[in-house]
Amino acid sequence: MVEAKYLKVAKDLLAKHPYFLLAKSWCPDVKYAINTLKEHKKYDGYFYAYELDKLPDQAEAYRIEQAFTELAGRKWVPSIFVNGQYWGTEQDLKVLRSQDKLKETLDKLIV
C-alpha cells in the first residue's frame, strides 16, 4: 500500500505539469521517448521529465515511484501522463510510429 503522502506528491506533480514523463536519466527507453517527442517538436516547452534517479533522497524516490506505479497500473519508465491521466510508455510511441500514426496522435494529444 502506497502512503497517502506520496500519492499526493504524485498527484500534485501531475496537476502542475499537464504533460508529464516519469523518468530515470540513465534509461534508454526514456531517451527514446524524449528523442521521439523532440523529433516531433512535442517535448521542449511541453513535457516535464521527472527524473527519479536525480532526487537527493532515493528512499523517497522509491516511494514516489510506487505512487506513480499505483496511478499508472504498472511500474515502468518512461511513464507518460497527459492531463493527469496515464497515457502510455515508449512502447506505445513505437507502435504508433510503426503504424504511421505517431505524428497524427501527438498532434491531437498535445495542443
PDB file of N, CA and C in Angstrom:
ATOM      1  N   MET A   1       0.842  -1.186   0.000  1.00  0.00           N
ATOM      2  CA  MET A   1       0.000   0.000   0.000  1.00  0.00           C
ATOM      3  C   MET A   1       0.887   1.250   0.000  1.00  0.00           C
ATOM      4  N   VAL A   2       0.594   2.142  -0.909  1.00  0.00           N
ATOM      5  CA  VAL A   2       1.363   3.375  -1.032  1.00  0.00           C
ATOM      6  C   VAL A   2       0.874   4.383   0.010  1.00  0.00           C
ATOM      7  N   GLU A   3       1.822   5.028   0.649  1.00  0.00           N
ATOM      8  CA  GLU A   3       1.464   6.047   1.640  1.00  0.00           C
ATOM      9  C   GLU A   3       0.748   7.209   0.956  1.00  0.00           C
ATOM     10  N   ALA A   4      -0.280   7.726   1.618  1.00  0.00           N
ATOM     11  CA  ALA A   4      -1.077   8.836   1.078  1.00  0.00           C
ATOM     12  C   ALA A   4      -0.202  10.048   0.754  1.00  0.00           C
ATOM     13  N   LYS A   5       0.816  10.260   1.571  1.00  0.00           N
ATOM     14  CA  LYS A   5       1.728  11.396   1.366  1.00  0.00           C
ATOM     15  C   LYS A   5       2.350  11.349  -0.030  1.00  0.00           C
ATOM     16  N   TYR A   6       2.758  10.149  -0.465  1.00  0.00           N
ATOM     17  CA  TYR A   6       3.436  10.025  -1.753  1.00  0.00           C
ATOM     18  C   TYR A   6       2.449  10.024  -2.920  1.00  0.00           C
ATOM     19  N   LEU A   7       1.248   9.544  -2.691  1.00  0.00           N
ATOM     20  CA  LEU A   7       0.208   9.671  -3.714  1.00  0.00           C
ATOM     21  C   LEU A   7      -0.103  11.144  -3.953  1.00  0.00           C
ATOM     22  N   LYS A   8      -0.115  11.914  -2.880  1.00  0.00           N
ATOM     23  CA  LYS A   8      -0.363  13.354  -3.007  1.00  0.00           C
ATOM     24  C   LYS A   8       0.768  14.017  -3.784  1.00  0.00           C
ATOM     25  N   VAL A   9       2.005  13.641  -3.504  1.00  0.00           N
ATOM     26  CA  VAL A   9       3.146  14.192  -4.241  1.00  0.00           C
ATOM     27  C   VAL A   9       2.969  13.915  -5.733  1.00  0.00           C
ATOM     28  N   ALA A  10       2.644  12.674  -6.073  1.00  0.00           N
ATOM     29  CA  ALA A  10       2.475  12.294  -7.478  1.00  0.00           C
ATOM     30  C   ALA A  10       1.325  13.064  -8.121  1.00  0.00           C
ATOM     31  N   LYS A  11       0.200  13.121  -7.442  1.00  0.00           N
ATOM     32  CA  LYS A  11      -0.966  13.828  -7.996  1.00  0.00           C
ATOM     33  C   LYS A  11      -0.701  15.322  -8.135  1.00  0.00           C
ATOM     34  N   ASP A  12       0.022  15.894  -7.187  1.00  0.00           N
ATOM     35  CA  ASP A  12       0.368  17.316  -7.276  1.00  0.00           C
ATOM     36  C   ASP A  12       1.282  17.584  -8.473  1.00  0.00           C
ATOM     37  N   LEU A  13       2.239  16.692  -8.705  1.00  0.00           N
ATOM     38  CA  LEU A  13       3.117  16.841  -9.871  1.00  0.00           C
ATOM     39  C   LEU A  13       2.311  16.777 -11.164  1.00  0.00           C
ATOM     40  N   LEU A  14       1.376  15.844 -11.235  1.00  0.00           N
ATOM     41  CA  LEU A  14       0.551  15.713 -12.438  1.00  0.00           C
ATOM     42  C   LEU A  14      -0.355  16.925 -12.629  1.00  0.00           C
ATOM     43  N   ALA A  15      -0.851  17.478 -11.539  1.00  0.00           N
ATOM     44  CA  ALA A  15      -1.707  18.669 -11.634  1.00  0.00           C
ATOM     45  C   ALA A  15      -0.904  19.882 -12.114  1.00  0.00           C
ATOM     46  N   LYS A  16       0.345  19.950 -11.701  1.00  0.00           N
ATOM     47  CA  LYS A  16       1.203  21.085 -12.064  1.00  0.00           C
ATOM     48  C   LYS A  16       1.729  20.980 -13.495  1.00  0.00           C
ATOM     49  N   HIS A  17       1.906  19.755 -13.971  1.00  0.00           N
ATOM     50  CA  HIS A  17       2.515  19.532 -15.289  1.00  0.00           C
ATOM     51  C   HIS A  17       1.572  18.687 -16.152  1.00  0.00           C
ATOM     52  N   PRO A  18       0.795  19.323 -17.039  1.00  0.00           N
ATOM     53  CA  PRO A  18      -0.177  18.576 -17.849  1.00  0.00           C
ATOM     54  C   PRO A  18       0.466  17.499 -18.730  1.00  0.00           C
ATOM     55  N   TYR A  19       1.704  17.732 -19.155  1.00  0.00           N
ATOM     56  CA  TYR A  19       2.435  16.743 -19.963  1.00  0.00           C
ATOM     57  C   TYR A  19       3.631  16.302 -19.128  1.00  0.00           C
ATOM     58  N   PHE A  20       3.564  15.085 -18.637  1.00  0.00           N
ATOM     59  CA  PHE A  20       4.498  14.621 -17.607  1.00  0.00           C
ATOM     60  C   PHE A  20       5.121  13.297 -18.024  1.00  0.00           C
ATOM     61  N   LEU A  21       6.429  13.205 -17.826  1.00  0.00           N
ATOM     62  CA  LEU A  21       7.172  11.998 -18.163  1.00  0.00           C
ATOM     63  C   LEU A  21       7.914  11.533 -16.912  1.00  0.00           C
ATOM     64  N   LEU A  22       7.522  10.397 -16.365  1.00  0.00           N
ATOM     65  CA  LEU A  22       8.246   9.811 -15.235  1.00  0.00           C
ATOM     66  C   LEU A  22       9.468   9.120 -15.814  1.00  0.00           C
ATOM     67  N   ALA A  23      10.645   9.480 -15.310  1.00  0.00           N
ATOM     68  CA  ALA A  23      11.868   9.080 -15.989  1.00  0.00           C
ATOM     69  C   ALA A  23      12.978   8.683 -15.022  1.00  0.00           C
ATOM     70  N   LYS A  24      13.974   8.031 -15.595  1.00  0.00           N
ATOM     71  CA  LYS A  24      15.276   7.807 -14.961  1.00  0.00           C
ATOM     72  C   LYS A  24      16.296   8.173 -16.029  1.00  0.00           C
ATOM     73  N   SER A  25      17.225   9.039 -15.692  1.00  0.00           N
ATOM     74  CA  SER A  25      18.110   9.642 -16.692  1.00  0.00           C
ATOM     75  C   SER A  25      18.959   8.626 -17.456  1.00  0.00           C
ATOM     76  N   TRP A  26      19.243   7.500 -16.866  1.00  0.00           N
ATOM     77  CA  TRP A  26      20.111   6.506 -17.489  1.00  0.00           C
ATOM     78  C   TRP A  26      19.354   5.550 -18.414  1.00  0.00           C
ATOM     79  N   CYS A  27      18.045   5.590 -18.426  1.00  0.00           N
ATOM     80  CA  CYS A  27      17.237   4.579 -19.106  1.00  0.00           C
ATOM     81  C   CYS A  27      17.157   4.826 -20.619  1.00  0.00           C
ATOM     82  N   PRO A  28      17.547   3.847 -21.441  1.00  0.00           N
ATOM     83  CA  PRO A  28      17.471   4.017 -22.894  1.00  0.00           C
ATOM     84  C   PRO A  28      16.038   4.200 -23.402  1.00  0.00           C
ATOM     85  N   ASP A  29      15.063   3.602 -22.734  1.00  0.00           N
ATOM     86  CA  ASP A  29      13.666   3.776 -23.154  1.00  0.00           C
ATOM     87  C   ASP A  29      13.203   5.209 -22.921  1.00  0.00           C
ATOM     88  N   VAL A  30      13.670   5.813 -21.840  1.00  0.00           N
ATOM     89  CA  VAL A  30      13.365   7.222 -21.567  1.00  0.00           C
ATOM     90  C   VAL A  30      13.990   8.089 -22.655  1.00  0.00           C
ATOM     91  N   LYS A  31      15.241   7.805 -22.992  1.00  0.00           N
ATOM     92  CA  LYS A  31      15.925   8.582 -24.034  1.00  0.00           C
ATOM     93  C   LYS A  31      15.189   8.455 -25.364  1.00  0.00           C
ATOM     94  N   TYR A  32      14.707   7.253 -25.673  1.00  0.00           N
ATOM     95  CA  TYR A  32      13.931   7.054 -26.903  1.00  0.00           C
ATOM     96  C   TYR A  32      12.676   7.928 -26.883  1.00  0.00           C
ATOM     97  N   ALA A  33      11.944   7.903 -25.778  1.00  0.00           N
ATOM     98  CA  ALA A  33      10.702   8.681 -25.681  1.00  0.00           C
ATOM     99  C   ALA A  33      10.986  10.174 -25.836  1.00  0.00           C
ATOM    100  N   ILE A  34      11.986  10.660 -25.136  1.00  0.00           N
ATOM    101  CA  ILE A  34      12.318  12.089 -25.216  1.00  0.00           C
ATOM    102  C   ILE A  34      12.737  12.455 -26.633  1.00  0.00           C
ATOM    103  N   ASN A  35      13.609  11.650 -27.241  1.00  0.00           N
ATOM    104  CA  ASN A  35      14.058  11.946 -28.604  1.00  0.00           C
ATOM    105  C   ASN A  35      12.906  11.897 -29.601  1.00  0.00           C
ATOM    106  N   THR A  36      11.988  10.957 -29.415  1.00  0.00           N
ATOM    107  CA  THR A  36      10.825  10.854 -30.301  1.00  0.00           C
ATOM    108  C   THR A  36       9.947  12.090 -30.168  1.00  0.00           C
ATOM    109  N   LEU A  37       9.702  12.512 -28.938  1.00  0.00           N
ATOM    110  CA  LEU A  37       8.885  13.707 -28.721  1.00  0.00           C
ATOM    111  C   LEU A  37       9.587  14.957 -29.255  1.00  0.00           C
ATOM    112  N   LYS A  38      10.904  15.033 -29.094  1.00  0.00           N
ATOM    113  CA  LYS A  38      11.661  16.174 -29.630  1.00  0.00           C
ATOM    114  C   LYS A  38      11.601  16.186 -31.155  1.00  0.00           C
ATOM    115  N   GLU A  39      11.743  15.019 -31.740  1.00  0.00           N
ATOM    116  CA  GLU A  39      11.712  14.875 -33.198  1.00  0.00           C
ATOM    117  C   GLU A  39      10.410  15.435 -33.776  1.00  0.00           C
ATOM    118  N   HIS A  40       9.342  15.286 -33.034  1.00  0.00           N
ATOM    119  CA  HIS A  40       8.036  15.772 -33.478  1.00  0.00           C
ATOM    120  C   HIS A  40       7.685  17.118 -32.851  1.00  0.00           C
ATOM    121  N   LYS A  41       8.711  17.759 -32.280  1.00  0.00           N
ATOM    122  CA  LYS A  41       8.555  19.079 -31.659  1.00  0.00           C
ATOM    123  C   LYS A  41       7.446  19.093 -30.607  1.00  0.00           C
ATOM    124  N   LYS A  42       7.366  18.001 -29.856  1.00  0.00           N
ATOM    125  CA  LYS A  42       6.339  17.874 -28.820  1.00  0.00           C
ATOM    126  C   LYS A  42       6.960  17.661 -27.437  1.00  0.00           C
ATOM    127  N   TYR A  43       8.232  17.996 -27.287  1.00  0.00           N
ATOM    128  CA  TYR A  43       8.870  17.809 -25.983  1.00  0.00           C
ATOM    129  C   TYR A  43       9.191  19.156 -25.341  1.00  0.00           C
ATOM    130  N   ASP A  44      10.086  19.912 -25.953  1.00  0.00           N
ATOM    131  CA  ASP A  44      10.506  21.194 -25.385  1.00  0.00           C
ATOM    132  C   ASP A  44       9.308  22.126 -25.261  1.00  0.00           C
ATOM    133  N   GLY A  45       9.123  22.646 -24.066  1.00  0.00           N
ATOM    134  CA  GLY A  45       8.014  23.548 -23.825  1.00  0.00           C
ATOM    135  C   GLY A  45       6.713  22.839 -23.508  1.00  0.00           C
ATOM    136  N   TYR A  46       6.715  21.529 -23.588  1.00  0.00           N
ATOM    137  CA  TYR A  46       5.516  20.749 -23.284  1.00  0.00           C
ATOM    138  C   TYR A  46       5.769  19.830 -22.090  1.00  0.00           C
ATOM    139  N   PHE A  47       6.631  18.839 -22.292  1.00  0.00           N
ATOM    140  CA  PHE A  47       6.799  17.788 -21.291  1.00  0.00           C
ATOM    141  C   PHE A  47       7.744  18.185 -20.170  1.00  0.00           C
ATOM    142  N   TYR A  48       7.378  17.742 -18.984  1.00  0.00           N
ATOM    143  CA  TYR A  48       8.222  17.877 -17.806  1.00  0.00           C
ATOM    144  C   TYR A  48       8.712  16.474 -17.464  1.00  0.00           C
ATOM    145  N   ALA A  49      10.026  16.278 -17.514  1.00  0.00           N
ATOM    146  CA  ALA A  49      10.612  14.981 -17.176  1.00  0.00           C
ATOM    147  C   ALA A  49      11.020  14.994 -15.705  1.00  0.00           C
ATOM    148  N   TYR A  50      10.431  14.100 -14.945  1.00  0.00           N
ATOM    149  CA  TYR A  50      10.719  13.970 -13.516  1.00  0.00           C
ATOM    150  C   TYR A  50      11.653  12.778 -13.357  1.00  0.00           C
ATOM    151  N   GLU A  51      12.936  13.071 -13.154  1.00  0.00           N
ATOM    152  CA  GLU A  51      13.963  12.038 -13.123  1.00  0.00           C
ATOM    153  C   GLU A  51      14.158  11.524 -11.701  1.00  0.00           C
ATOM    154  N   LEU A  52      13.622  10.355 -11.459  1.00  0.00           N
ATOM    155  CA  LEU A  52      13.661   9.758 -10.121  1.00  0.00           C
ATOM    156  C   LEU A  52      15.081   9.559  -9.606  1.00  0.00           C
ATOM    157  N   ASP A  53      15.998   9.176 -10.487  1.00  0.00           N
ATOM    158  CA  ASP A  53      17.367   8.887 -10.052  1.00  0.00           C
ATOM    159  C   ASP A  53      18.141  10.139  -9.664  1.00  0.00           C
ATOM    160  N   LYS A  54      17.613  11.309  -9.977  1.00  0.00           N
ATOM    161  CA  LYS A  54      18.305  12.553  -9.634  1.00  0.00           C
ATOM    162  C   LYS A  54      17.791  13.171  -8.339  1.00  0.00           C
ATOM    163  N   LEU A  55      16.782  12.557  -7.739  1.00  0.00           N
ATOM    164  CA  LEU A  55      16.287  13.068  -6.460  1.00  0.00           C
ATOM    165  C   LEU A  55      17.331  12.792  -5.381  1.00  0.00           C
ATOM    166  N   PRO A  56      17.549  13.735  -4.465  1.00  0.00           N
ATOM    167  CA  PRO A  56      18.589  13.552  -3.448  1.00  0.00           C
ATOM    168  C   PRO A  56      18.305  12.410  -2.474  1.00  0.00           C
ATOM    169  N   ASP A  57      17.059  12.139  -2.207  1.00  0.00           N
ATOM    170  CA  ASP A  57      16.685  11.079  -1.265  1.00  0.00           C
ATOM    171  C   ASP A  57      16.108   9.906  -2.062  1.00  0.00           C
ATOM    172  N   GLN A  58      16.914   8.878  -2.267  1.00  0.00           N
ATOM    173  CA  GLN A  58      16.486   7.757  -3.103  1.00  0.00           C
ATOM    174  C   GLN A  58      15.423   6.888  -2.442  1.00  0.00           C
ATOM    175  N   ALA A  59      15.362   6.890  -1.119  1.00  0.00           N
ATOM    176  CA  ALA A  59      14.281   6.165  -0.439  1.00  0.00           C
ATOM    177  C   ALA A  59      12.948   6.846  -0.754  1.00  0.00           C
ATOM    178  N   GLU A  60      12.971   8.170  -0.759  1.00  0.00           N
ATOM    179  CA  GLU A  60      11.761   8.919  -1.112  1.00  0.00           C
ATOM    180  C   GLU A  60      11.430   8.726  -2.595  1.00  0.00           C
ATOM    181  N   ALA A  61      12.445   8.707  -3.438  1.00  0.00           N
ATOM    182  CA  ALA A  61      12.232   8.488  -4.875  1.00  0.00           C
ATOM    183  C   ALA A  61      11.537   7.148  -5.107  1.00  0.00           C
ATOM    184  N   TYR A  62      11.944   6.139  -4.366  1.00  0.00           N
ATOM    185  CA  TYR A  62      11.325   4.816  -4.476  1.00  0.00           C
ATOM    186  C   TYR A  62       9.841   4.884  -4.118  1.00  0.00           C
ATOM    187  N   ARG A  63       9.521   5.604  -3.068  1.00  0.00           N
ATOM    188  CA  ARG A  63       8.114   5.721  -2.638  1.00  0.00           C
ATOM    189  C   ARG A  63       7.282   6.523  -3.643  1.00  0.00           C
ATOM    190  N   ILE A  64       7.894   7.545  -4.220  1.00  0.00           N
ATOM    191  CA  ILE A  64       7.203   8.319  -5.256  1.00  0.00           C
ATOM    192  C   ILE A  64       6.969   7.433  -6.480  1.00  0.00           C
ATOM    193  N   GLU A  65       7.964   6.626  -6.830  1.00  0.00           N
ATOM    194  CA  GLU A  65       7.796   5.696  -7.954  1.00  0.00           C
ATOM    195  C   GLU A  65       6.658   4.715  -7.672  1.00  0.00           C
ATOM    196  N   GLN A  66       6.551   4.241  -6.435  1.00  0.00           N
ATOM    197  CA  GLN A  66       5.444   3.353  -6.069  1.00  0.00           C
ATOM    198  C   GLN A  66       4.097   4.049  -6.267  1.00  0.00           C
ATOM    199  N   ALA A  67       4.030   5.327  -5.930  1.00  0.00           N
ATOM    200  CA  ALA A  67       2.783   6.083  -6.102  1.00  0.00           C
ATOM    201  C   ALA A  67       2.420   6.176  -7.582  1.00  0.00           C
ATOM    202  N   PHE A  68       3.401   6.459  -8.424  1.00  0.00           N
ATOM    203  CA  PHE A  68       3.130   6.520  -9.863  1.00  0.00           C
ATOM    204  C   PHE A  68       2.771   5.144 -10.420  1.00  0.00           C
ATOM    205  N   THR A  69       3.363   4.096  -9.861  1.00  0.00           N
ATOM    206  CA  THR A  69       3.005   2.735 -10.270  1.00  0.00           C
ATOM    207  C   THR A  69       1.534   2.476  -9.985  1.00  0.00           C
ATOM    208  N   GLU A  70       1.082   2.917  -8.832  1.00  0.00           N
ATOM    209  CA  GLU A  70      -0.333   2.741  -8.491  1.00  0.00           C
ATOM    210  C   GLU A  70      -1.231   3.539  -9.440  1.00  0.00           C
ATOM    211  N   LEU A  71      -0.837   4.754  -9.754  1.00  0.00           N
ATOM    212  CA  LEU A  71      -1.649   5.595 -10.640  1.00  0.00           C
ATOM    213  C   LEU A  71      -1.678   5.059 -12.073  1.00  0.00           C
ATOM    214  N   ALA A  72      -0.540   4.535 -12.530  1.00  0.00           N
ATOM    215  CA  ALA A  72      -0.447   4.041 -13.908  1.00  0.00           C
ATOM    216  C   ALA A  72      -0.942   2.606 -14.050  1.00  0.00           C
ATOM    217  N   GLY A  73      -0.923   1.874 -12.954  1.00  0.00           N
ATOM    218  CA  GLY A  73      -1.311   0.471 -13.027  1.00  0.00           C
ATOM    219  C   GLY A  73      -0.173  -0.446 -13.436  1.00  0.00           C
ATOM    220  N   ARG A  74       1.022   0.120 -13.571  1.00  0.00           N
ATOM    221  CA  ARG A  74       2.212  -0.681 -13.893  1.00  0.00           C
ATOM    222  C   ARG A  74       3.463   0.109 -13.540  1.00  0.00           C
ATOM    223  N   LYS A  75       4.544  -0.625 -13.288  1.00  0.00           N
ATOM    224  CA  LYS A  75       5.821   0.012 -12.972  1.00  0.00           C
ATOM    225  C   LYS A  75       6.642   0.046 -14.252  1.00  0.00           C
ATOM    226  N   TRP A  76       6.897   1.267 -14.739  1.00  0.00           N
ATOM    227  CA  TRP A  76       7.625   1.392 -15.995  1.00  0.00           C
ATOM    228  C   TRP A  76       8.150   2.806 -16.137  1.00  0.00           C
ATOM    229  N   VAL A  77       9.359   2.931 -16.618  1.00  0.00           N
ATOM    230  CA  VAL A  77       9.839   4.233 -17.078  1.00  0.00           C
ATOM    231  C   VAL A  77      10.261   4.066 -18.531  1.00  0.00           C
ATOM    232  N   PRO A  78       9.894   5.010 -19.352  1.00  0.00           N
ATOM    233  CA  PRO A  78       9.106   6.176 -19.013  1.00  0.00           C
ATOM    234  C   PRO A  78       7.614   5.853 -18.919  1.00  0.00           C
ATOM    235  N   SER A  79       6.962   6.524 -18.016  1.00  0.00           N
ATOM    236  CA  SER A  79       5.502   6.522 -17.970  1.00  0.00           C
ATOM    237  C   SER A  79       5.067   7.920 -18.380  1.00  0.00           C
ATOM    238  N   ILE A  80       4.201   7.974 -19.359  1.00  0.00           N
ATOM    239  CA  ILE A  80       3.751   9.249 -19.910  1.00  0.00           C
ATOM    240  C   ILE A  80       2.339   9.522 -19.400  1.00  0.00           C
ATOM    241  N   PHE A  81       2.164  10.714 -18.853  1.00  0.00           N
ATOM    242  CA  PHE A  81       0.858  11.146 -18.356  1.00  0.00           C
ATOM    243  C   PHE A  81       0.462  12.412 -19.109  1.00  0.00           C
ATOM    244  N   VAL A  82      -0.797  12.485 -19.488  1.00  0.00           N
ATOM    245  CA  VAL A  82      -1.325  13.669 -20.164  1.00  0.00           C
ATOM    246  C   VAL A  82      -2.576  14.115 -19.417  1.00  0.00           C
ATOM    247  N   ASN A  83      -2.564  15.369 -19.003  1.00  0.00           N
ATOM    248  CA  ASN A  83      -3.688  15.939 -18.242  1.00  0.00           C
ATOM    249  C   ASN A  83      -4.068  15.077 -17.041  1.00  0.00           C
ATOM    250  N   GLY A  84      -3.042  14.609 -16.335  1.00  0.00           N
ATOM    251  CA  GLY A  84      -3.256  13.857 -15.105  1.00  0.00           C
ATOM    252  C   GLY A  84      -3.590  12.392 -15.283  1.00  0.00           C
ATOM    253  N   GLN A  85      -3.714  11.953 -16.531  1.00  0.00           N
ATOM    254  CA  GLN A  85      -4.085  10.561 -16.803  1.00  0.00           C
ATOM    255  C   GLN A  85      -2.909   9.815 -17.422  1.00  0.00           C
ATOM    256  N   TYR A  86      -2.780   8.557 -17.042  1.00  0.00           N
ATOM    257  CA  TYR A  86      -1.739   7.724 -17.637  1.00  0.00           C
ATOM    258  C   TYR A  86      -2.049   7.546 -19.117  1.00  0.00           C
ATOM    259  N   TRP A  87      -1.063   7.799 -19.966  1.00  0.00           N
ATOM    260  CA  TRP A  87      -1.235   7.657 -21.412  1.00  0.00           C
ATOM    261  C   TRP A  87      -0.545   6.403 -21.937  1.00  0.00           C
ATOM    262  N   GLY A  88       0.704   6.168 -21.506  1.00  0.00           N
ATOM    263  CA  GLY A  88       1.426   5.008 -22.006  1.00  0.00           C
ATOM    264  C   GLY A  88       2.921   5.122 -21.761  1.00  0.00           C
ATOM    265  N   THR A  89       3.674   4.394 -22.598  1.00  0.00           N
ATOM    266  CA  THR A  89       5.128   4.331 -22.466  1.00  0.00           C
ATOM    267  C   THR A  89       5.767   4.526 -23.834  1.00  0.00           C
ATOM    268  N   GLU A  90       7.075   4.367 -23.866  1.00  0.00           N
ATOM    269  CA  GLU A  90       7.773   4.440 -25.152  1.00  0.00           C
ATOM    270  C   GLU A  90       7.300   3.333 -26.081  1.00  0.00           C
ATOM    271  N   GLN A  91       6.813   2.236 -25.513  1.00  0.00           N
ATOM    272  CA  GLN A  91       6.298   1.142 -26.347  1.00  0.00           C
ATOM    273  C   GLN A  91       5.112   1.612 -27.183  1.00  0.00           C
ATOM    274  N   ASP A  92       4.270   2.442 -26.584  1.00  0.00           N
ATOM    275  CA  ASP A  92       3.128   2.988 -27.323  1.00  0.00           C
ATOM    276  C   ASP A  92       3.602   3.924 -28.430  1.00  0.00           C
ATOM    277  N   LEU A  93       4.646   4.699 -28.150  1.00  0.00           N
ATOM    278  CA  LEU A  93       5.213   5.565 -29.184  1.00  0.00           C
ATOM    279  C   LEU A  93       5.746   4.728 -30.343  1.00  0.00           C
ATOM    280  N   LYS A  94       6.405   3.613 -30.030  1.00  0.00           N
ATOM    281  CA  LYS A  94       6.945   2.733 -31.072  1.00  0.00           C
ATOM    282  C   LYS A  94       5.835   2.119 -31.920  1.00  0.00           C
ATOM    283  N   VAL A  95       4.766   1.680 -31.281  1.00  0.00           N
ATOM    284  CA  VAL A  95       3.637   1.093 -32.019  1.00  0.00           C
ATOM    285  C   VAL A  95       3.036   2.139 -32.952  1.00  0.00           C
ATOM    286  N   LEU A  96       2.797   3.330 -32.434  1.00  0.00           N
ATOM    287  CA  LEU A  96       2.232   4.395 -33.266  1.00  0.00           C
ATOM    288  C   LEU A  96       3.148   4.726 -34.436  1.00  0.00           C
ATOM    289  N   ARG A  97       4.454   4.750 -34.180  1.00  0.00           N
ATOM    290  CA  ARG A  97       5.403   5.014 -35.268  1.00  0.00           C
ATOM    291  C   ARG A  97       5.318   3.914 -36.320  1.00  0.00           C
ATOM    292  N   SER A  98       5.254   2.661 -35.898  1.00  0.00           N
ATOM    293  CA  SER A  98       5.205   1.544 -36.858  1.00  0.00           C
ATOM    294  C   SER A  98       3.916   1.550 -37.674  1.00  0.00           C
ATOM    295  N   GLN A  99       2.859   2.137 -37.118  1.00  0.00           N
ATOM    296  CA  GLN A  99       1.571   2.225 -37.819  1.00  0.00           C
ATOM    297  C   GLN A  99       1.430   3.541 -38.581  1.00  0.00           C
ATOM    298  N   ASP A 100       2.482   4.336 -38.569  1.00  0.00           N
ATOM    299  CA  ASP A 100       2.474   5.643 -39.231  1.00  0.00           C
ATOM    300  C   ASP A 100       1.401   6.575 -38.663  1.00  0.00           C
ATOM    301  N   LYS A 101       1.149   6.457 -37.356  1.00  0.00           N
ATOM    302  CA  LYS A 101       0.127   7.276 -36.700  1.00  0.00           C
ATOM    303  C   LYS A 101       0.702   8.165 -35.601  1.00  0.00           C
ATOM    304  N   LEU A 102       2.013   8.184 -35.483  1.00  0.00           N
ATOM    305  CA  LEU A 102       2.633   8.911 -34.373  1.00  0.00           C
ATOM    306  C   LEU A 102       2.391  10.416 -34.457  1.00  0.00           C
ATOM    307  N   LYS A 103       2.699  11.019 -35.598  1.00  0.00           N
ATOM    308  CA  LYS A 103       2.531  12.470 -35.736  1.00  0.00           C
ATOM    309  C   LYS A 103       1.079  12.866 -35.511  1.00  0.00           C
ATOM    310  N   GLU A 104       0.176  12.161 -36.142  1.00  0.00           N
ATOM    311  CA  GLU A 104      -1.254  12.467 -36.013  1.00  0.00           C
ATOM    312  C   GLU A 104      -1.706  12.380 -34.551  1.00  0.00           C
ATOM    313  N   THR A 105      -1.283  11.327 -33.867  1.00  0.00           N
ATOM    314  CA  THR A 105      -1.674  11.135 -32.465  1.00  0.00           C
ATOM    315  C   THR A 105      -1.093  12.229 -31.578  1.00  0.00           C
ATOM    316  N   LEU A 106       0.189  12.529 -31.757  1.00  0.00           N
ATOM    317  CA  LEU A 106       0.825  13.569 -30.944  1.00  0.00           C
ATOM    318  C   LEU A 106       0.199  14.935 -31.203  1.00  0.00           C
ATOM    319  N   ASP A 107      -0.146  15.209 -32.460  1.00  0.00           N
ATOM    320  CA  ASP A 107      -0.774  16.495 -32.781  1.00  0.00           C
ATOM    321  C   ASP A 107      -2.126  16.649 -32.084  1.00  0.00           C
ATOM    322  N   LYS A 108      -2.864  15.558 -31.957  1.00  0.00           N
ATOM    323  CA  LYS A 108      -4.166  15.607 -31.278  1.00  0.00           C
ATOM    324  C   LYS A 108      -4.000  15.650 -29.759  1.00  0.00           C
ATOM    325  N   LEU A 109      -2.999  14.940 -29.275  1.00  0.00           N
ATOM    326  CA  LEU A 109      -2.780  14.790 -27.841  1.00  0.00           C
ATOM    327  C   LEU A 109      -2.204  16.053 -27.206  1.00  0.00           C
ATOM    328  N   ILE A 110      -1.269  16.657 -27.906  1.00  0.00           N
ATOM    329  CA  ILE A 110      -0.516  17.776 -27.352  1.00  0.00           C
ATOM    330  C   ILE A 110      -0.824  19.023 -28.161  1.00  0.00           C
ATOM    331  N   VAL A 111      -1.602  19.888 -27.574  1.00  0.00           N
ATOM    332  CA  VAL A 111      -2.023  21.103 -28.290  1.00  0.00           C
ATOM    333  C   VAL A 111      -1.349  22.341 -27.738  1.00  0.00           C
TER     334      VAL A 111
END
